[in-house]
């Protein structure tokens, strides 16, 4: 079977299921694992290049309902190219999607094993933070000018709450904007900034926040720069992001080496 993945998260999931030999195309920014960079690209997941997809002669395209344009999907189906769409919008749905695709592609044993591992690690975090006497307030910054954070209907909000924190930007707006004064007034105990592809820029933002010495996150040296890919892609790596946030929000609840590969993951969070 020749498969084209229509979102970076789908590419990553199929690599996790050890199905890279079936992949013949992927969208822009499908960069994990690094081997995914070598796949022919078919546009971005919100601007699919139908001609390039057709040229790859896929037996199946796997789409996401949140992002892939329905017009492009209908064109593919009109050309007798099957499209299977998934809709993982929270961590539970990501695990359901893994098992759904595992069953669809005949590798249920692999998907079941991955999900079982994810569930075990999630439960470890839940148990560790359950006994915390205090849930620190967290401001999570993903945009610079204007300052943008994450509302309730996002993966990052879910992970902050599961990691034992309180998201100061919780609310109906998925990506709310804030003034610097509003952030300072909210007095976050933990301030987390995503590096994305602009690490140098976000390092400067981190330095600027440190000028506000009365802010609890500054006073207690709890400003962190983290890798966004393990926090906002609907893939098994969301559990890596959960463990990372739990260590940053509740460092006292996690002894060294509590999680597998702690040393590697700590490199993703730069205090």
Protein backbone atom coordinates (compact mmCIF):
# COMPACT_ATOMS: atom_id res chain seq x y z
CA UNK A 1 0.00 0.00 0.00
CA UNK A 2 1.29 3.45 -0.98
CA UNK A 3 0.28 6.07 1.60
CA UNK A 4 0.43 9.87 1.52
CA UNK A 5 0.14 11.60 4.89
CA UNK A 6 -1.71 14.92 4.78
CA UNK A 7 -0.43 16.35 8.09
CA UNK A 8 2.89 16.20 10.00
CA UNK A 9 1.16 14.48 12.92
CA UNK A 10 -0.02 11.64 10.67
CA UNK A 11 3.48 11.19 9.27
CA UNK A 12 4.87 10.94 12.78
CA UNK A 13 2.21 8.44 13.85
CA UNK A 14 2.91 6.15 10.88
CA UNK A 15 6.63 6.22 11.62
CA UNK A 16 5.80 5.33 15.24
CA UNK A 17 3.79 2.38 13.90
CA UNK A 18 6.87 1.30 11.91
CA UNK A 19 5.13 1.86 8.56
CA UNK A 20 7.71 4.14 6.95
CA UNK A 21 8.13 1.66 4.09
CA UNK A 22 4.58 2.41 2.96
CA UNK A 23 4.94 6.20 2.93
CA UNK A 24 5.40 7.85 -0.46
CA UNK A 25 4.56 11.46 0.40
CA UNK A 26 3.96 13.89 3.24
CA UNK A 27 3.21 17.54 3.88
CA UNK A 28 5.59 20.40 4.59
CA UNK A 29 7.02 20.44 8.15
CA UNK A 30 6.81 16.64 8.39
CA UNK A 31 10.20 16.64 10.07
CA UNK A 32 10.02 13.94 12.72
CA UNK A 33 11.68 11.56 12.80
CA UNK A 34 14.44 13.13 10.67
CA UNK A 35 13.93 10.49 7.96
CA UNK A 36 10.54 12.05 7.27
CA UNK A 37 12.33 15.03 5.73
CA UNK A 38 13.28 12.82 2.77
CA UNK A 39 9.69 12.11 1.77
CA UNK A 40 8.33 13.98 -1.30
CA UNK A 41 6.33 16.98 -0.10
CA UNK A 42 2.76 17.69 -1.24
CA UNK A 43 2.25 21.22 0.08
CA UNK A 44 1.26 22.20 3.59
CA UNK A 45 -1.59 20.49 5.39
CA UNK A 46 -3.80 23.56 4.93
CA UNK A 47 -2.74 24.07 1.28
CA UNK A 48 -2.49 20.65 -0.30
CA UNK A 49 -1.04 20.28 -3.80
CA UNK A 50 -3.51 17.86 -5.35
CA UNK A 51 -1.45 17.41 -8.54
CA UNK A 52 1.62 16.33 -6.57
CA UNK A 53 -0.47 13.92 -4.53
CA UNK A 54 -1.97 12.35 -7.65
CA UNK A 55 1.48 12.04 -9.24
CA UNK A 56 2.60 9.86 -6.32
CA UNK A 57 -0.12 7.32 -7.18
CA UNK A 58 -1.21 6.67 -3.60
CA UNK A 59 -3.48 3.80 -2.63
CA UNK A 60 -4.57 5.83 0.41
CA UNK A 61 -4.32 9.35 1.80
CA UNK A 62 -4.70 9.88 5.54
CA UNK A 63 -6.15 13.28 6.41
CA UNK A 64 -7.02 15.32 9.50
CA UNK A 65 -10.45 16.86 9.83
CA UNK A 66 -9.03 19.88 11.62
CA UNK A 67 -6.95 21.59 8.94
CA UNK A 68 -7.05 19.73 5.64
CA UNK A 69 -9.27 21.67 3.19
CA UNK A 70 -12.41 19.74 2.30
CA UNK A 71 -12.19 21.01 -1.31
CA UNK A 72 -8.85 19.23 -1.82
CA UNK A 73 -10.18 16.06 -0.18
CA UNK A 74 -13.17 16.03 -2.52
CA UNK A 75 -10.89 16.43 -5.55
CA UNK A 76 -8.86 13.42 -4.46
CA UNK A 77 -11.98 11.33 -3.91
CA UNK A 78 -13.31 12.39 -7.32
CA UNK A 79 -10.11 10.95 -8.77
CA UNK A 80 -10.80 7.62 -7.01
CA UNK A 81 -8.05 8.15 -4.42
CA UNK A 82 -9.35 6.91 -1.06
CA UNK A 83 -9.02 9.35 1.84
CA UNK A 84 -9.31 8.32 5.48
CA UNK A 85 -9.77 11.22 7.93
CA UNK A 86 -9.05 11.28 11.67
CA UNK A 87 -9.76 13.96 14.27
CA UNK A 88 -7.44 13.77 17.31
CA UNK A 89 -8.16 16.91 19.36
CA UNK A 90 -7.04 15.79 22.81
CA UNK A 91 -4.67 13.25 24.31
CA UNK A 92 -7.33 10.56 24.67
CA UNK A 93 -8.32 11.05 21.01
CA UNK A 94 -4.66 10.75 19.97
CA UNK A 95 -4.53 7.31 21.57
CA UNK A 96 -7.82 6.37 19.94
CA UNK A 97 -6.44 7.52 16.58
CA UNK A 98 -3.33 5.39 17.02
CA UNK A 99 -5.46 2.30 17.61
CA UNK A 100 -7.83 3.23 14.78
CA UNK A 101 -4.96 3.55 12.30
CA UNK A 102 -3.30 0.44 13.68
CA UNK A 103 -6.45 -1.54 12.97
CA UNK A 104 -6.94 0.08 9.54
CA UNK A 105 -3.38 -0.72 8.46
CA UNK A 106 -3.09 -4.16 10.00
CA UNK A 107 -0.68 -3.35 12.84
CA UNK A 108 -2.97 -3.38 15.86
CA UNK A 109 -0.31 -5.12 17.95
CA UNK A 110 2.03 -2.16 17.47
CA UNK A 111 -0.59 0.50 18.14
CA UNK A 112 -1.85 -1.32 21.23
CA UNK A 113 1.68 -1.50 22.62
CA UNK A 114 2.32 2.20 22.02
CA UNK A 115 -0.97 3.20 23.63
CA UNK A 116 -0.36 0.96 26.64
CA UNK A 117 3.02 2.64 27.15
CA UNK A 118 1.47 6.09 26.85
CA UNK A 119 -1.25 5.23 29.38
CA UNK A 120 1.30 3.93 31.86
CA UNK A 121 3.39 7.10 31.63
CA UNK A 122 0.30 9.36 31.91
CA UNK A 123 -0.76 7.51 35.06
CA UNK A 124 2.72 7.96 36.56
CA UNK A 125 2.41 11.72 36.09
CA UNK A 126 -1.10 11.80 37.53
CA UNK A 127 -0.01 9.91 40.63
CA UNK A 128 3.03 12.12 41.12
CA UNK A 129 1.16 15.43 40.95
CA UNK A 130 -1.95 14.22 42.79
CA UNK A 131 -0.25 14.71 46.14
CA UNK A 132 0.97 18.23 45.45
CA UNK A 133 -0.29 20.73 48.01
CA UNK A 134 -0.25 23.58 45.49
CA UNK A 135 -0.95 23.91 41.76
CA UNK A 136 1.34 26.65 40.39
CA UNK A 137 -0.08 29.20 37.95
CA UNK A 138 1.42 28.95 34.47
CA UNK A 139 1.59 31.44 31.63
CA UNK A 140 2.49 29.71 28.36
CA UNK A 141 3.72 32.09 25.64
CA UNK A 142 3.64 31.01 21.99
CA UNK A 143 3.63 34.44 20.29
CA UNK A 144 5.77 37.54 20.70
CA UNK A 145 4.14 40.59 19.12
CA UNK A 146 1.41 40.44 20.20
CA UNK A 147 1.88 38.11 23.16
CA UNK A 148 -0.19 34.99 22.47
CA UNK A 149 -1.00 32.16 24.87
CA UNK A 150 -3.16 29.02 24.83
CA UNK A 151 -6.81 28.71 25.81
CA UNK A 152 -8.81 25.76 27.07
CA UNK A 153 -9.39 24.04 23.73
CA UNK A 154 -5.72 23.22 23.04
CA UNK A 155 -3.35 20.33 23.64
CA UNK A 156 -1.08 22.56 25.71
CA UNK A 157 -3.85 23.55 28.13
CA UNK A 158 -4.72 19.89 28.65
CA UNK A 159 -1.08 19.04 29.34
CA UNK A 160 -0.62 21.95 31.77
CA UNK A 161 -3.63 20.80 33.80
CA UNK A 162 -2.57 17.13 33.72
CA UNK A 163 0.92 18.21 34.81
CA UNK A 164 -0.52 19.85 37.91
CA UNK A 165 -0.59 23.48 36.83
CA UNK A 166 -3.20 26.21 36.41
CA UNK A 167 -3.33 27.77 32.95
CA UNK A 168 -3.69 31.54 33.37
CA UNK A 169 -4.97 31.86 29.78
CA UNK A 170 -7.78 29.30 30.15
CA UNK A 171 -10.97 30.35 28.39
CA UNK A 172 -13.04 30.02 25.25
CA UNK A 173 -10.50 31.74 22.97
CA UNK A 174 -8.06 29.08 21.74
CA UNK A 175 -5.15 31.48 21.31
CA UNK A 176 -5.83 34.64 23.34
CA UNK A 177 -3.70 37.79 23.09
CA UNK A 178 -2.24 39.58 26.08
CA UNK A 179 -0.53 42.87 26.81
CA UNK A 180 2.71 42.71 28.76
CA UNK A 181 0.96 44.54 31.60
CA UNK A 182 -1.77 41.87 31.73
CA UNK A 183 0.80 39.09 31.99
CA UNK A 184 2.68 40.90 34.76
CA UNK A 185 -0.59 41.56 36.62
CA UNK A 186 -1.49 37.86 36.47
CA UNK A 187 1.69 37.09 38.48
CA UNK A 188 2.55 33.70 36.92
CA UNK A 189 4.56 31.38 39.11
CA UNK A 190 5.88 29.57 36.03
CA UNK A 191 6.43 31.21 32.63
CA UNK A 192 7.05 28.90 29.67
CA UNK A 193 8.06 30.07 26.20
CA UNK A 194 8.06 27.85 23.13
CA UNK A 195 11.19 27.97 21.00
CA UNK A 196 9.64 26.77 17.71
CA UNK A 197 12.10 27.67 14.87
CA UNK A 198 13.09 31.00 16.40
CA UNK A 199 15.10 30.03 19.42
CA UNK A 200 17.31 33.13 19.38
CA UNK A 201 14.26 35.40 19.33
CA UNK A 202 12.63 33.59 22.23
CA UNK A 203 15.87 33.73 24.23
CA UNK A 204 15.62 37.52 23.90
CA UNK A 205 12.01 37.40 25.12
CA UNK A 206 13.18 35.37 28.10
CA UNK A 207 15.78 38.04 28.94
CA UNK A 208 13.15 40.78 28.68
CA UNK A 209 10.81 39.04 31.10
CA UNK A 210 13.63 38.76 33.64
CA UNK A 211 13.60 42.55 33.98
CA UNK A 212 10.32 42.27 35.91
CA UNK A 213 11.83 41.07 39.18
CA UNK A 214 8.59 41.27 41.16
CA UNK A 215 6.96 38.59 39.00
CA UNK A 216 7.03 35.28 40.92
CA UNK A 217 8.33 33.36 37.88
CA UNK A 218 11.26 35.79 37.66
CA UNK A 219 11.88 36.01 41.38
CA UNK A 220 12.11 32.23 41.65
CA UNK A 221 13.99 31.71 38.37
CA UNK A 222 11.15 29.72 36.78
CA UNK A 223 11.18 30.94 33.19
CA UNK A 224 11.70 28.10 30.74
CA UNK A 225 12.25 27.78 27.01
CA UNK A 226 10.82 24.54 25.58
CA UNK A 227 10.45 22.67 22.29
CA UNK A 228 6.95 23.19 20.90
CA UNK A 229 6.79 20.01 18.80
CA UNK A 230 6.25 17.74 21.80
CA UNK A 231 3.37 19.92 23.02
CA UNK A 232 1.18 20.75 20.04
CA UNK A 233 1.30 17.81 17.62
CA UNK A 234 -1.27 15.05 17.88
CA UNK A 235 1.30 12.28 18.25
CA UNK A 236 2.66 9.91 20.93
CA UNK A 237 5.27 12.56 21.77
CA UNK A 238 2.58 14.51 23.63
CA UNK A 239 3.42 12.26 26.57
CA UNK A 240 7.03 13.49 26.35
CA UNK A 241 5.60 17.00 26.58
CA UNK A 242 3.44 16.06 29.56
CA UNK A 243 6.41 14.63 31.45
CA UNK A 244 8.52 17.69 30.61
CA UNK A 245 5.83 20.10 31.85
CA UNK A 246 5.31 18.05 35.02
CA UNK A 247 9.01 18.30 35.85
CA UNK A 248 9.01 22.06 35.23
CA UNK A 249 5.81 22.75 37.18
CA UNK A 250 6.48 20.33 40.05
CA UNK A 251 10.24 19.68 40.14
CA UNK A 252 9.92 18.55 43.77
CA UNK A 253 7.59 15.70 42.78
CA UNK A 254 10.00 14.06 40.34
CA UNK A 255 13.22 12.42 41.35
CA UNK A 256 16.03 12.10 38.77
CA UNK A 257 15.47 9.29 36.28
CA UNK A 258 11.82 8.84 37.29
CA UNK A 259 10.95 8.72 33.61
CA UNK A 260 12.79 6.83 30.89
CA UNK A 261 15.17 8.98 28.87
CA UNK A 262 14.95 11.87 31.36
CA UNK A 263 18.44 13.05 30.47
CA UNK A 264 17.52 13.47 26.82
CA UNK A 265 14.19 15.16 27.49
CA UNK A 266 15.74 17.65 29.92
CA UNK A 267 17.65 19.08 26.97
CA UNK A 268 14.30 20.22 25.58
CA UNK A 269 13.71 22.49 28.56
CA UNK A 270 16.30 25.17 29.13
CA UNK A 271 15.88 26.95 32.48
